[in-house]
Amino acid sequence: MTLPPHPSAPVRVVLVEDHRLVAEALGLAWADAVDVEVVATAGSIAAAVADVRRLLPDVVLLDRRLPDGDGLEAVGLFGEAGARVLVLTGEVTVSVAARAAECGAAGLVSKSARLDELTDAVLRVAAGEVVFDGAVLAGVLGKLTGRVPGGRGALTTREREALVLLAQGAGTEEIGERMGIARNTVRNHVQRVLEKLGARSKLEAVAIARRDGLLD
């Protein structure tokens, strides 16, 4: 496994967690970190949406169970503001992970993860990678391949190259380096792959591609 790229500036995180002790512990743990900066802590979906729209963070670290609903229901709103979502939950199951992926989350980690594991996941998600616990990844892919996507067009050679690299776990930076293209071009290729495969996330695109033999 390759190490996540070291960001040139701290990854700006909005922490969405209604348990004060957990939120304060993470805030203190990252207080002196050079690569992660908690720019706001929210205890509800409504407060989190307001913070994300105001602060435009890189990553939203999202608890599922919040006083005003299921945090997964707000993943799309966070995405509209340009943030990538990493779900932090005590329920690391295939069904929860699959739902997170379907909602557009970029990853899911357990609340029992060590701080270095959580930091690693935040950095990887910020770099454009998809991060799901290996214990549930195969099951998530299996559930997602049961989806029937809508109409799709043929992938171009470059789009297929980007798809193959996604399947290998490469993030935006690595794909750009290996294909010799700019990050914005990578994002455009990936977005077209998602549209053509009828996928709502990178993970789902890989699952569909595997089901349909596009990675053989």
N, C-alpha and C. Protein backbone atom coordinates (compact mmCIF):
# COMPACT_ATOMS: atom_id res chain seq x y z
N MET A 1 0.85 -1.19 0.00
CA MET A 1 0.00 0.00 0.00
C MET A 1 0.88 1.24 0.00
N THR A 2 0.58 2.18 -0.89
CA THR A 2 1.37 3.39 -0.96
C THR A 2 0.91 4.36 0.12
N LEU A 3 1.83 5.18 0.58
CA LEU A 3 1.50 6.17 1.58
C LEU A 3 0.70 7.29 0.95
N PRO A 4 -0.22 7.92 1.71
CA PRO A 4 -0.97 9.03 1.16
C PRO A 4 -0.04 10.19 0.89
N PRO A 5 -0.29 10.98 -0.17
CA PRO A 5 0.58 12.10 -0.46
C PRO A 5 0.55 13.11 0.68
N HIS A 6 1.70 13.68 1.01
CA HIS A 6 1.74 14.68 2.06
C HIS A 6 1.20 15.99 1.50
N PRO A 7 0.12 16.52 2.07
CA PRO A 7 -0.48 17.74 1.51
C PRO A 7 0.43 18.94 1.69
N SER A 8 0.37 19.86 0.72
CA SER A 8 1.17 21.07 0.80
C SER A 8 0.64 22.02 1.87
N ALA A 9 -0.64 21.85 2.22
CA ALA A 9 -1.27 22.62 3.30
C ALA A 9 -2.13 21.64 4.10
N PRO A 10 -2.43 21.95 5.35
CA PRO A 10 -3.26 21.03 6.14
C PRO A 10 -4.60 20.75 5.47
N VAL A 11 -5.04 19.51 5.56
CA VAL A 11 -6.36 19.14 5.06
C VAL A 11 -7.38 19.71 6.04
N ARG A 12 -8.27 20.53 5.53
CA ARG A 12 -9.26 21.21 6.36
C ARG A 12 -10.47 20.31 6.56
N VAL A 13 -10.77 20.03 7.82
CA VAL A 13 -11.81 19.06 8.16
C VAL A 13 -12.92 19.70 8.99
N VAL A 14 -14.16 19.40 8.62
CA VAL A 14 -15.30 19.70 9.49
C VAL A 14 -15.70 18.38 10.14
N LEU A 15 -15.65 18.36 11.46
CA LEU A 15 -15.97 17.16 12.23
C LEU A 15 -17.43 17.22 12.65
N VAL A 16 -18.19 16.20 12.25
CA VAL A 16 -19.62 16.15 12.57
C VAL A 16 -19.83 15.01 13.56
N GLU A 17 -19.95 15.35 14.82
CA GLU A 17 -20.01 14.37 15.90
C GLU A 17 -20.75 14.98 17.08
N ASP A 18 -21.84 14.33 17.52
CA ASP A 18 -22.64 14.92 18.60
C ASP A 18 -22.19 14.49 19.99
N HIS A 19 -21.27 13.54 20.06
CA HIS A 19 -20.72 13.16 21.37
C HIS A 19 -19.54 14.08 21.68
N ARG A 20 -19.74 14.95 22.66
CA ARG A 20 -18.75 15.99 22.94
C ARG A 20 -17.37 15.42 23.26
N LEU A 21 -17.32 14.33 24.02
CA LEU A 21 -16.03 13.78 24.41
C LEU A 21 -15.26 13.29 23.20
N VAL A 22 -15.96 12.65 22.27
CA VAL A 22 -15.30 12.16 21.05
C VAL A 22 -14.79 13.34 20.22
N ALA A 23 -15.65 14.34 20.05
CA ALA A 23 -15.27 15.52 19.27
C ALA A 23 -14.08 16.24 19.89
N GLU A 24 -14.13 16.42 21.22
CA GLU A 24 -13.03 17.12 21.89
C GLU A 24 -11.74 16.31 21.83
N ALA A 25 -11.85 14.99 21.95
CA ALA A 25 -10.65 14.14 21.89
C ALA A 25 -9.98 14.24 20.53
N LEU A 26 -10.78 14.21 19.46
CA LEU A 26 -10.20 14.31 18.13
C LEU A 26 -9.63 15.71 17.90
N GLY A 27 -10.34 16.73 18.37
CA GLY A 27 -9.84 18.09 18.22
C GLY A 27 -8.50 18.27 18.90
N LEU A 28 -8.37 17.73 20.11
CA LEU A 28 -7.11 17.83 20.84
C LEU A 28 -6.01 17.01 20.16
N ALA A 29 -6.38 15.83 19.66
CA ALA A 29 -5.39 14.96 19.03
C ALA A 29 -4.79 15.60 17.78
N TRP A 30 -5.61 16.38 17.06
CA TRP A 30 -5.15 17.01 15.83
C TRP A 30 -4.72 18.47 16.03
N ALA A 31 -4.78 18.95 17.24
CA ALA A 31 -4.49 20.37 17.50
C ALA A 31 -3.10 20.76 17.02
N ASP A 32 -2.12 19.90 17.18
CA ASP A 32 -0.75 20.22 16.78
C ASP A 32 -0.33 19.51 15.49
N ALA A 33 -1.29 18.90 14.81
CA ALA A 33 -0.96 18.17 13.58
C ALA A 33 -0.60 19.15 12.47
N VAL A 34 0.33 18.75 11.62
CA VAL A 34 0.75 19.61 10.52
C VAL A 34 -0.04 19.33 9.25
N ASP A 35 -0.71 18.17 9.19
CA ASP A 35 -1.38 17.80 7.95
C ASP A 35 -2.90 17.75 8.04
N VAL A 36 -3.46 17.93 9.24
CA VAL A 36 -4.91 17.94 9.42
C VAL A 36 -5.29 19.11 10.32
N GLU A 37 -6.30 19.88 9.90
CA GLU A 37 -6.79 21.01 10.70
C GLU A 37 -8.31 20.91 10.81
N VAL A 38 -8.81 20.77 12.04
CA VAL A 38 -10.25 20.77 12.27
C VAL A 38 -10.71 22.22 12.31
N VAL A 39 -11.47 22.63 11.27
CA VAL A 39 -11.87 24.03 11.16
C VAL A 39 -13.22 24.29 11.83
N ALA A 40 -13.98 23.22 12.10
CA ALA A 40 -15.26 23.39 12.80
C ALA A 40 -15.72 22.03 13.30
N THR A 41 -16.50 22.06 14.37
CA THR A 41 -17.13 20.86 14.91
C THR A 41 -18.62 21.10 15.00
N ALA A 42 -19.40 20.21 14.42
CA ALA A 42 -20.85 20.36 14.42
C ALA A 42 -21.49 19.15 15.10
N GLY A 43 -22.59 19.40 15.82
CA GLY A 43 -23.26 18.31 16.52
C GLY A 43 -24.56 17.89 15.89
N SER A 44 -24.87 18.44 14.71
CA SER A 44 -26.11 18.08 14.03
C SER A 44 -25.92 18.24 12.52
N ILE A 45 -26.85 17.66 11.77
CA ILE A 45 -26.78 17.78 10.31
C ILE A 45 -26.94 19.24 9.90
N ALA A 46 -27.92 19.93 10.48
CA ALA A 46 -28.18 21.32 10.11
C ALA A 46 -26.96 22.19 10.35
N ALA A 47 -26.33 22.03 11.50
CA ALA A 47 -25.14 22.83 11.80
C ALA A 47 -23.99 22.47 10.88
N ALA A 48 -23.87 21.19 10.55
CA ALA A 48 -22.79 20.74 9.67
C ALA A 48 -22.95 21.31 8.27
N VAL A 49 -24.16 21.29 7.74
CA VAL A 49 -24.41 21.83 6.40
C VAL A 49 -24.04 23.31 6.37
N ALA A 50 -24.44 24.05 7.41
CA ALA A 50 -24.12 25.48 7.47
C ALA A 50 -22.61 25.69 7.53
N ASP A 51 -21.91 24.90 8.35
CA ASP A 51 -20.46 25.04 8.47
C ASP A 51 -19.75 24.72 7.16
N VAL A 52 -20.19 23.65 6.51
CA VAL A 52 -19.54 23.23 5.27
C VAL A 52 -19.74 24.26 4.17
N ARG A 53 -20.93 24.80 4.07
CA ARG A 53 -21.19 25.82 3.05
C ARG A 53 -20.41 27.09 3.32
N ARG A 54 -20.17 27.39 4.59
CA ARG A 54 -19.47 28.62 4.97
C ARG A 54 -17.95 28.47 4.86
N LEU A 55 -17.44 27.31 5.26
CA LEU A 55 -15.99 27.12 5.37
C LEU A 55 -15.37 26.37 4.20
N LEU A 56 -16.17 25.66 3.42
CA LEU A 56 -15.69 24.91 2.25
C LEU A 56 -14.48 24.03 2.60
N PRO A 57 -14.66 23.08 3.50
CA PRO A 57 -13.54 22.21 3.89
C PRO A 57 -13.20 21.20 2.81
N ASP A 58 -12.07 20.54 2.99
CA ASP A 58 -11.67 19.47 2.07
C ASP A 58 -12.42 18.18 2.37
N VAL A 59 -12.57 17.90 3.66
CA VAL A 59 -13.16 16.62 4.10
C VAL A 59 -14.17 16.87 5.21
N VAL A 60 -15.27 16.14 5.16
CA VAL A 60 -16.23 16.10 6.26
C VAL A 60 -16.10 14.74 6.92
N LEU A 61 -15.73 14.73 8.20
CA LEU A 61 -15.65 13.48 8.97
C LEU A 61 -16.99 13.34 9.67
N LEU A 62 -17.80 12.40 9.21
CA LEU A 62 -19.23 12.39 9.50
C LEU A 62 -19.67 11.19 10.34
N ASP A 63 -20.23 11.48 11.50
CA ASP A 63 -20.89 10.45 12.29
C ASP A 63 -22.23 10.16 11.63
N ARG A 64 -22.71 8.93 11.78
CA ARG A 64 -23.98 8.57 11.16
C ARG A 64 -25.17 9.03 11.99
N ARG A 65 -25.15 8.70 13.27
CA ARG A 65 -26.33 8.93 14.10
C ARG A 65 -26.23 10.29 14.78
N LEU A 66 -27.07 11.21 14.30
CA LEU A 66 -27.06 12.58 14.81
C LEU A 66 -28.45 12.94 15.32
N PRO A 67 -28.56 13.95 16.17
CA PRO A 67 -29.85 14.28 16.78
C PRO A 67 -30.96 14.56 15.77
N ASP A 68 -30.61 15.11 14.60
CA ASP A 68 -31.64 15.46 13.62
C ASP A 68 -31.67 14.52 12.42
N GLY A 69 -31.12 13.31 12.58
CA GLY A 69 -31.27 12.33 11.50
C GLY A 69 -30.02 11.54 11.20
N ASP A 70 -30.09 10.79 10.10
CA ASP A 70 -28.99 9.96 9.64
C ASP A 70 -28.04 10.83 8.83
N GLY A 71 -26.79 10.90 9.26
CA GLY A 71 -25.82 11.75 8.58
C GLY A 71 -25.63 11.42 7.12
N LEU A 72 -25.87 10.16 6.73
CA LEU A 72 -25.68 9.78 5.34
C LEU A 72 -26.61 10.54 4.40
N GLU A 73 -27.74 10.97 4.92
CA GLU A 73 -28.69 11.69 4.09
C GLU A 73 -28.17 13.06 3.65
N ALA A 74 -27.12 13.54 4.32
CA ALA A 74 -26.57 14.86 3.98
C ALA A 74 -25.32 14.78 3.13
N VAL A 75 -24.87 13.57 2.78
CA VAL A 75 -23.63 13.42 2.02
C VAL A 75 -23.67 14.22 0.72
N GLY A 76 -24.79 14.16 0.02
CA GLY A 76 -24.91 14.89 -1.23
C GLY A 76 -24.78 16.39 -1.06
N LEU A 77 -25.32 16.92 0.04
CA LEU A 77 -25.21 18.36 0.30
C LEU A 77 -23.76 18.76 0.54
N PHE A 78 -23.02 17.91 1.25
CA PHE A 78 -21.61 18.21 1.48
C PHE A 78 -20.84 18.16 0.17
N GLY A 79 -21.19 17.19 -0.67
CA GLY A 79 -20.53 17.06 -1.97
C GLY A 79 -20.76 18.27 -2.85
N GLU A 80 -21.95 18.85 -2.78
CA GLU A 80 -22.26 20.04 -3.57
C GLU A 80 -21.35 21.20 -3.19
N ALA A 81 -20.89 21.22 -1.95
CA ALA A 81 -19.99 22.28 -1.48
C ALA A 81 -18.53 21.95 -1.77
N GLY A 82 -18.29 20.83 -2.43
CA GLY A 82 -16.93 20.47 -2.82
C GLY A 82 -16.17 19.64 -1.80
N ALA A 83 -16.85 19.21 -0.73
CA ALA A 83 -16.18 18.42 0.30
C ALA A 83 -16.34 16.93 0.02
N ARG A 84 -15.32 16.16 0.38
CA ARG A 84 -15.41 14.70 0.31
C ARG A 84 -15.76 14.21 1.71
N VAL A 85 -16.51 13.13 1.76
CA VAL A 85 -17.07 12.67 3.03
C VAL A 85 -16.45 11.34 3.46
N LEU A 86 -15.97 11.32 4.71
CA LEU A 86 -15.47 10.10 5.33
C LEU A 86 -16.38 9.81 6.51
N VAL A 87 -17.05 8.68 6.47
CA VAL A 87 -18.00 8.31 7.50
C VAL A 87 -17.27 7.66 8.68
N LEU A 88 -17.57 8.13 9.87
CA LEU A 88 -16.98 7.59 11.10
C LEU A 88 -18.12 6.93 11.88
N THR A 89 -18.05 5.61 12.04
CA THR A 89 -19.18 4.90 12.63
C THR A 89 -18.74 3.72 13.48
N GLY A 90 -19.60 3.35 14.41
CA GLY A 90 -19.37 2.15 15.19
C GLY A 90 -19.96 0.93 14.51
N GLU A 91 -20.69 1.16 13.42
CA GLU A 91 -21.36 0.08 12.68
C GLU A 91 -20.62 -0.19 11.38
N VAL A 92 -19.53 -0.91 11.45
CA VAL A 92 -18.78 -1.22 10.24
C VAL A 92 -19.31 -2.54 9.69
N THR A 93 -20.41 -2.44 8.96
CA THR A 93 -21.04 -3.61 8.34
C THR A 93 -21.13 -3.38 6.85
N VAL A 94 -21.34 -4.47 6.12
CA VAL A 94 -21.44 -4.37 4.66
C VAL A 94 -22.62 -3.47 4.27
N SER A 95 -23.75 -3.63 4.94
CA SER A 95 -24.93 -2.84 4.57
C SER A 95 -24.72 -1.35 4.81
N VAL A 96 -24.11 -1.00 5.93
CA VAL A 96 -23.85 0.42 6.22
C VAL A 96 -22.81 0.97 5.24
N ALA A 97 -21.75 0.20 4.99
CA ALA A 97 -20.71 0.65 4.06
C ALA A 97 -21.27 0.81 2.65
N ALA A 98 -22.11 -0.13 2.23
CA ALA A 98 -22.68 -0.05 0.89
C ALA A 98 -23.59 1.17 0.76
N ARG A 99 -24.37 1.44 1.81
CA ARG A 99 -25.23 2.61 1.77
C ARG A 99 -24.42 3.89 1.73
N ALA A 100 -23.32 3.91 2.49
CA ALA A 100 -22.44 5.08 2.47
C ALA A 100 -21.90 5.31 1.07
N ALA A 101 -21.47 4.23 0.42
CA ALA A 101 -20.94 4.34 -0.94
C ALA A 101 -22.01 4.81 -1.91
N GLU A 102 -23.22 4.27 -1.78
CA GLU A 102 -24.32 4.66 -2.66
C GLU A 102 -24.68 6.13 -2.50
N CYS A 103 -24.52 6.63 -1.28
CA CYS A 103 -24.83 8.05 -1.01
C CYS A 103 -23.73 8.97 -1.53
N GLY A 104 -22.58 8.39 -1.90
CA GLY A 104 -21.49 9.21 -2.43
C GLY A 104 -20.35 9.44 -1.48
N ALA A 105 -20.36 8.78 -0.31
CA ALA A 105 -19.24 8.93 0.62
C ALA A 105 -17.98 8.34 0.01
N ALA A 106 -16.83 8.93 0.35
CA ALA A 106 -15.55 8.47 -0.19
C ALA A 106 -14.90 7.41 0.68
N GLY A 107 -15.49 7.15 1.84
CA GLY A 107 -14.90 6.13 2.69
C GLY A 107 -15.66 5.95 3.98
N LEU A 108 -15.26 4.91 4.71
CA LEU A 108 -15.88 4.60 5.99
C LEU A 108 -14.84 3.98 6.90
N VAL A 109 -14.74 4.50 8.11
CA VAL A 109 -13.80 3.97 9.09
C VAL A 109 -14.51 3.74 10.42
N SER A 110 -13.96 2.83 11.20
CA SER A 110 -14.55 2.48 12.48
C SER A 110 -14.16 3.49 13.55
N LYS A 111 -15.06 3.71 14.50
CA LYS A 111 -14.74 4.58 15.63
C LYS A 111 -13.67 3.97 16.52
N SER A 112 -13.43 2.68 16.34
CA SER A 112 -12.39 2.02 17.13
C SER A 112 -11.02 2.10 16.46
N ALA A 113 -10.94 2.76 15.31
CA ALA A 113 -9.66 2.88 14.60
C ALA A 113 -8.68 3.73 15.41
N ARG A 114 -7.40 3.43 15.26
CA ARG A 114 -6.37 4.23 15.92
C ARG A 114 -6.29 5.60 15.25
N LEU A 115 -5.74 6.56 15.98
CA LEU A 115 -5.64 7.92 15.44
C LEU A 115 -4.83 7.95 14.16
N ASP A 116 -3.73 7.17 14.09
CA ASP A 116 -2.93 7.18 12.87
C ASP A 116 -3.70 6.59 11.70
N GLU A 117 -4.56 5.61 11.97
CA GLU A 117 -5.38 5.03 10.90
C GLU A 117 -6.42 6.03 10.43
N LEU A 118 -7.02 6.75 11.36
CA LEU A 118 -8.02 7.76 10.99
C LEU A 118 -7.38 8.90 10.22
N THR A 119 -6.21 9.34 10.67
CA THR A 119 -5.49 10.41 9.96
C THR A 119 -5.13 9.97 8.55
N ASP A 120 -4.67 8.74 8.43
CA ASP A 120 -4.33 8.18 7.11
C ASP A 120 -5.55 8.19 6.20
N ALA A 121 -6.70 7.80 6.74
CA ALA A 121 -7.93 7.76 5.94
C ALA A 121 -8.34 9.16 5.50
N VAL A 122 -8.23 10.14 6.40
CA VAL A 122 -8.57 11.53 6.06
C VAL A 122 -7.67 12.04 4.93
N LEU A 123 -6.38 11.77 5.03
CA LEU A 123 -5.44 12.24 4.01
C LEU A 123 -5.71 11.56 2.66
N ARG A 124 -6.01 10.29 2.69
CA ARG A 124 -6.28 9.56 1.45
C ARG A 124 -7.56 10.05 0.78
N VAL A 125 -8.58 10.26 1.58
CA VAL A 125 -9.84 10.77 1.03
C VAL A 125 -9.62 12.16 0.44
N ALA A 126 -8.88 13.01 1.14
CA ALA A 126 -8.60 14.36 0.64
C ALA A 126 -7.82 14.31 -0.67
N ALA A 127 -7.00 13.27 -0.84
CA ALA A 127 -6.20 13.12 -2.06
C ALA A 127 -6.98 12.50 -3.20
N GLY A 128 -8.25 12.17 -2.97
CA GLY A 128 -9.08 11.64 -4.04
C GLY A 128 -9.29 10.15 -4.01
N GLU A 129 -8.79 9.48 -2.98
CA GLU A 129 -8.94 8.03 -2.91
C GLU A 129 -10.26 7.63 -2.25
N VAL A 130 -10.60 6.37 -2.43
CA VAL A 130 -11.76 5.78 -1.77
C VAL A 130 -11.24 4.84 -0.70
N VAL A 131 -11.70 5.02 0.53
CA VAL A 131 -11.13 4.27 1.67
C VAL A 131 -12.24 3.55 2.44
N PHE A 132 -12.30 2.22 2.26
CA PHE A 132 -13.23 1.40 3.01
C PHE A 132 -12.47 0.28 3.69
N ASP A 133 -12.87 -0.04 4.90
CA ASP A 133 -12.24 -1.12 5.65
C ASP A 133 -12.22 -2.40 4.82
N GLY A 134 -11.06 -3.06 4.78
CA GLY A 134 -10.92 -4.26 3.98
C GLY A 134 -11.89 -5.36 4.37
N ALA A 135 -12.35 -5.35 5.63
CA ALA A 135 -13.26 -6.38 6.10
C ALA A 135 -14.63 -6.30 5.43
N VAL A 136 -14.99 -5.12 4.92
CA VAL A 136 -16.32 -4.97 4.30
C VAL A 136 -16.23 -4.64 2.82
N LEU A 137 -15.03 -4.39 2.30
CA LEU A 137 -14.90 -3.92 0.92
C LEU A 137 -15.47 -4.91 -0.08
N ALA A 138 -15.13 -6.19 0.06
CA ALA A 138 -15.62 -7.20 -0.89
C ALA A 138 -17.15 -7.26 -0.87
N GLY A 139 -17.72 -7.20 0.34
CA GLY A 139 -19.17 -7.23 0.44
C GLY A 139 -19.82 -6.01 -0.16
N VAL A 140 -19.18 -4.86 0.01
CA VAL A 140 -19.71 -3.62 -0.58
C VAL A 140 -19.73 -3.73 -2.09
N LEU A 141 -18.63 -4.20 -2.66
CA LEU A 141 -18.57 -4.36 -4.10
C LEU A 141 -19.64 -5.33 -4.59
N GLY A 142 -19.86 -6.40 -3.82
CA GLY A 142 -20.88 -7.37 -4.20
C GLY A 142 -22.26 -6.76 -4.21
N LYS A 143 -22.57 -5.96 -3.19
CA LYS A 143 -23.88 -5.32 -3.14
C LYS A 143 -24.05 -4.32 -4.28
N LEU A 144 -23.00 -3.56 -4.55
CA LEU A 144 -23.10 -2.54 -5.59
C LEU A 144 -23.23 -3.14 -6.97
N THR A 145 -22.64 -4.29 -7.20
CA THR A 145 -22.73 -4.90 -8.52
C THR A 145 -24.13 -5.43 -8.79
N GLY A 146 -24.95 -5.51 -7.75
CA GLY A 146 -26.33 -5.92 -7.97
C GLY A 146 -27.19 -4.81 -8.52
N ARG A 147 -26.66 -3.59 -8.55
CA ARG A 147 -27.41 -2.47 -9.10
C ARG A 147 -27.42 -2.52 -10.62
N VAL A 148 -28.50 -2.10 -11.21
CA VAL A 148 -28.60 -2.07 -12.66
C VAL A 148 -28.50 -0.63 -13.12
N PRO A 149 -27.36 -0.23 -13.69
CA PRO A 149 -27.18 1.16 -14.09
C PRO A 149 -28.02 1.51 -15.30
N GLY A 150 -28.13 2.82 -15.53
CA GLY A 150 -28.88 3.27 -16.70
C GLY A 150 -28.06 3.13 -17.96
N GLY A 151 -28.53 3.80 -19.02
CA GLY A 151 -27.83 3.71 -20.28
C GLY A 151 -26.43 4.25 -20.17
N ARG A 152 -25.50 3.71 -20.97
CA ARG A 152 -24.11 4.13 -20.88
C ARG A 152 -23.48 4.18 -22.26
N GLY A 153 -22.50 5.03 -22.40
CA GLY A 153 -21.77 5.09 -23.66
C GLY A 153 -20.45 4.36 -23.52
N ALA A 154 -19.78 4.14 -24.63
CA ALA A 154 -18.49 3.45 -24.59
C ALA A 154 -17.43 4.36 -23.98
N LEU A 155 -16.55 3.77 -23.19
CA LEU A 155 -15.47 4.54 -22.58
C LEU A 155 -14.37 4.79 -23.60
N THR A 156 -13.78 5.96 -23.56
CA THR A 156 -12.63 6.23 -24.40
C THR A 156 -11.41 5.52 -23.82
N THR A 157 -10.33 5.49 -24.57
CA THR A 157 -9.12 4.85 -24.09
C THR A 157 -8.61 5.48 -22.80
N ARG A 158 -8.62 6.81 -22.75
CA ARG A 158 -8.13 7.51 -21.57
C ARG A 158 -9.07 7.31 -20.37
N GLU A 159 -10.36 7.28 -20.62
CA GLU A 159 -11.32 7.03 -19.55
C GLU A 159 -11.13 5.63 -18.98
N ARG A 160 -10.85 4.67 -19.87
CA ARG A 160 -10.62 3.30 -19.42
C ARG A 160 -9.33 3.21 -18.60
N GLU A 161 -8.31 3.95 -19.02
CA GLU A 161 -7.05 3.98 -18.26
C GLU A 161 -7.30 4.52 -16.85
N ALA A 162 -8.08 5.59 -16.76
CA ALA A 162 -8.39 6.17 -15.46
C ALA A 162 -9.17 5.18 -14.60
N LEU A 163 -10.10 4.46 -15.22
CA LEU A 163 -10.91 3.47 -14.51
C LEU A 163 -10.03 2.35 -13.96
N VAL A 164 -9.10 1.86 -14.76
CA VAL A 164 -8.20 0.80 -14.31
C VAL A 164 -7.38 1.26 -13.12
N LEU A 165 -6.89 2.49 -13.17
CA LEU A 165 -6.10 3.03 -12.05
C LEU A 165 -6.96 3.21 -10.80
N LEU A 166 -8.21 3.62 -11.00
CA LEU A 166 -9.13 3.72 -9.86
C LEU A 166 -9.29 2.36 -9.19
N ALA A 167 -9.43 1.32 -10.01
CA ALA A 167 -9.61 -0.03 -9.49
C ALA A 167 -8.38 -0.51 -8.73
N GLN A 168 -7.23 0.06 -9.05
CA GLN A 168 -5.99 -0.29 -8.36
C GLN A 168 -5.81 0.51 -7.07
N GLY A 169 -6.77 1.40 -6.79
CA GLY A 169 -6.72 2.19 -5.57
C GLY A 169 -5.99 3.51 -5.70
N ALA A 170 -5.68 3.92 -6.92
CA ALA A 170 -4.96 5.17 -7.12
C ALA A 170 -5.87 6.37 -6.88
N GLY A 171 -5.30 7.41 -6.28
CA GLY A 171 -6.03 8.65 -6.08
C GLY A 171 -5.80 9.60 -7.24
N THR A 172 -6.39 10.79 -7.16
CA THR A 172 -6.31 11.76 -8.25
C THR A 172 -4.87 12.12 -8.60
N GLU A 173 -4.05 12.38 -7.58
CA GLU A 173 -2.66 12.76 -7.82
C GLU A 173 -1.91 11.66 -8.57
N GLU A 174 -2.06 10.42 -8.08
CA GLU A 174 -1.33 9.31 -8.69
C GLU A 174 -1.80 9.04 -10.12
N ILE A 175 -3.11 9.12 -10.34
CA ILE A 175 -3.63 8.92 -11.69
C ILE A 175 -3.05 9.96 -12.63
N GLY A 176 -3.02 11.22 -12.17
CA GLY A 176 -2.47 12.28 -13.00
C GLY A 176 -1.01 12.04 -13.34
N GLU A 177 -0.23 11.60 -12.35
CA GLU A 177 1.18 11.33 -12.58
C GLU A 177 1.39 10.17 -13.55
N ARG A 178 0.63 9.10 -13.36
CA ARG A 178 0.82 7.91 -14.20
C ARG A 178 0.28 8.10 -15.61
N MET A 179 -0.72 8.97 -15.76
CA MET A 179 -1.26 9.22 -17.10
C MET A 179 -0.62 10.45 -17.74
N GLY A 180 0.14 11.22 -16.94
CA GLY A 180 0.78 12.40 -17.47
C GLY A 180 -0.18 13.53 -17.79
N ILE A 181 -1.21 13.68 -16.95
CA ILE A 181 -2.22 14.71 -17.19
C ILE A 181 -2.47 15.50 -15.90
N ALA A 182 -3.12 16.65 -16.04
CA ALA A 182 -3.39 17.52 -14.90
C ALA A 182 -4.52 16.96 -14.04
N ARG A 183 -4.56 17.41 -12.78
CA ARG A 183 -5.59 16.93 -11.85
C ARG A 183 -6.99 17.22 -12.37
N ASN A 184 -7.21 18.41 -12.94
CA ASN A 184 -8.54 18.74 -13.45
C ASN A 184 -8.94 17.81 -14.58
N THR A 185 -7.96 17.41 -15.40
CA THR A 185 -8.25 16.48 -16.49
C THR A 185 -8.62 15.11 -15.93
N VAL A 186 -7.91 14.71 -14.86
CA VAL A 186 -8.24 13.44 -14.20
C VAL A 186 -9.69 13.49 -13.72
N ARG A 187 -10.05 14.57 -13.05
CA ARG A 187 -11.41 14.68 -12.52
C ARG A 187 -12.44 14.62 -13.65
N ASN A 188 -12.13 15.24 -14.78
CA ASN A 188 -13.05 15.20 -15.92
C ASN A 188 -13.21 13.78 -16.44
N HIS A 189 -12.09 13.06 -16.57
CA HIS A 189 -12.16 11.66 -17.03
C HIS A 189 -12.99 10.82 -16.07
N VAL A 190 -12.73 10.98 -14.77
CA VAL A 190 -13.45 10.18 -13.77
C VAL A 190 -14.94 10.52 -13.78
N GLN A 191 -15.26 11.79 -13.90
CA GLN A 191 -16.67 12.19 -13.93
C GLN A 191 -17.38 11.57 -15.13
N ARG A 192 -16.72 11.54 -16.28
CA ARG A 192 -17.34 10.94 -17.46
C ARG A 192 -17.50 9.42 -17.29
N VAL A 193 -16.52 8.80 -16.63
CA VAL A 193 -16.63 7.36 -16.35
C VAL A 193 -17.87 7.09 -15.49
N LEU A 194 -18.04 7.90 -14.44
CA LEU A 194 -19.20 7.72 -13.57
C LEU A 194 -20.50 7.90 -14.33
N GLU A 195 -20.54 8.92 -15.18
CA GLU A 195 -21.76 9.19 -15.95
C GLU A 195 -22.07 8.05 -16.92
N LYS A 196 -21.04 7.55 -17.61
CA LYS A 196 -21.25 6.50 -18.60
C LYS A 196 -21.62 5.16 -17.97
N LEU A 197 -21.12 4.91 -16.76
CA LEU A 197 -21.42 3.65 -16.09
C LEU A 197 -22.67 3.74 -15.22
N GLY A 198 -23.22 4.95 -15.11
CA GLY A 198 -24.39 5.12 -14.27
C GLY A 198 -24.08 4.98 -12.80
N ALA A 199 -22.86 5.32 -12.41
CA ALA A 199 -22.41 5.17 -11.02
C ALA A 199 -22.50 6.49 -10.27
N ARG A 200 -22.70 6.38 -8.96
CA ARG A 200 -22.79 7.59 -8.14
C ARG A 200 -21.55 7.82 -7.30
N SER A 201 -20.59 6.92 -7.41
CA SER A 201 -19.33 7.08 -6.69
C SER A 201 -18.24 6.31 -7.41
N LYS A 202 -17.00 6.59 -7.08
CA LYS A 202 -15.88 5.88 -7.69
C LYS A 202 -15.94 4.40 -7.36
N LEU A 203 -16.29 4.09 -6.12
CA LEU A 203 -16.36 2.70 -5.69
C LEU A 203 -17.41 1.95 -6.49
N GLU A 204 -18.54 2.57 -6.70
CA GLU A 204 -19.61 1.93 -7.46
C GLU A 204 -19.18 1.75 -8.92
N ALA A 205 -18.46 2.73 -9.47
CA ALA A 205 -17.98 2.61 -10.84
C ALA A 205 -17.06 1.40 -10.99
N VAL A 206 -16.16 1.20 -10.02
CA VAL A 206 -15.26 0.05 -10.05
C VAL A 206 -16.05 -1.25 -9.95
N ALA A 207 -17.06 -1.26 -9.07
CA ALA A 207 -17.88 -2.45 -8.91
C ALA A 207 -18.61 -2.81 -10.20
N ILE A 208 -19.19 -1.81 -10.85
CA ILE A 208 -19.90 -2.04 -12.11
C ILE A 208 -18.94 -2.52 -13.18
N ALA A 209 -17.76 -1.88 -13.24
CA ALA A 209 -16.76 -2.27 -14.25
C ALA A 209 -16.32 -3.72 -14.06
N ARG A 210 -16.16 -4.15 -12.80
CA ARG A 210 -15.76 -5.53 -12.54
C ARG A 210 -16.87 -6.48 -12.95
N ARG A 211 -18.09 -6.13 -12.64
CA ARG A 211 -19.23 -6.98 -13.00
C ARG A 211 -19.34 -7.14 -14.52
N ASP A 212 -19.09 -6.05 -15.23
CA ASP A 212 -19.27 -6.07 -16.68
C ASP A 212 -18.01 -6.46 -17.46
N GLY A 213 -16.95 -6.83 -16.73
CA GLY A 213 -15.75 -7.29 -17.40
C GLY A 213 -14.93 -6.18 -18.04
N LEU A 214 -15.11 -4.95 -17.59
CA LEU A 214 -14.38 -3.84 -18.20
C LEU A 214 -12.94 -3.76 -17.70
N LEU A 215 -12.63 -4.53 -16.65
CA LEU A 215 -11.27 -4.49 -16.10
C LEU A 215 -10.48 -5.75 -16.42
N ASP A 216 -11.06 -6.62 -17.22
CA ASP A 216 -10.38 -7.87 -17.58
C ASP A 216 -9.25 -7.62 -18.57
